[in-house]
Amino acid sequence: MAESPQQSNLNVSADAESSRASTRWLNWSSFVIAVLQSACTAVMVISGVRVVIGLTALAAAAGLHTPAHGFHADIIRVPMMAIALIGSVLNLYVIWKVRRLRNRQSAQWRQKPLSSKKKRSERLQIALSLLTLVLLAAEWITHPLVHRVPLFQ
């Protein structure tokens, strides 16, 4: 016995509706689990930050002026500073070169105006590179003062 077209359409629409309902339930449950996971992660990060701030304050109050160990040791600190210096200078050089080439007379015919997103991106890269250079200078100047050790041992 063959089904009429109306009956098969009803079966298809009922299947589609149940499929949409189960998909909607799955989407909402995934969203709720993601929110709970994010809340858990945020609490863990905040707890870790609070512990680091507390230990740093304790070390500063105790007058901890011994030479640095671990991640702050010169064998790790100096190469990381060198990599940061090279990266920020290279970033500034590349942006300068791109802007210089963009402003050349020979490139004017194919130039399109920069989007505001591209301008913001370049400005942010310049600001972060300059901030990196300032922080590197601050670390280089203050490290011997804070730890009472020579700049390079």
Foldseek 3Di string as FASTA:
>chain_A
DDDDPVVVVVVVVVVVVVVVVVVVVVVVVVVVVVVVVVVVVVVVVVVVVVVVVVVVVVCVVVLPQAADDDCPHCVNVVVVLVVLLVVLVVLVVVLVVVVVVCPDPVNVVVDDDDDPVVVVVSVVSNVVSVVSVVVSVVCQVCVCVRNVDDSHD
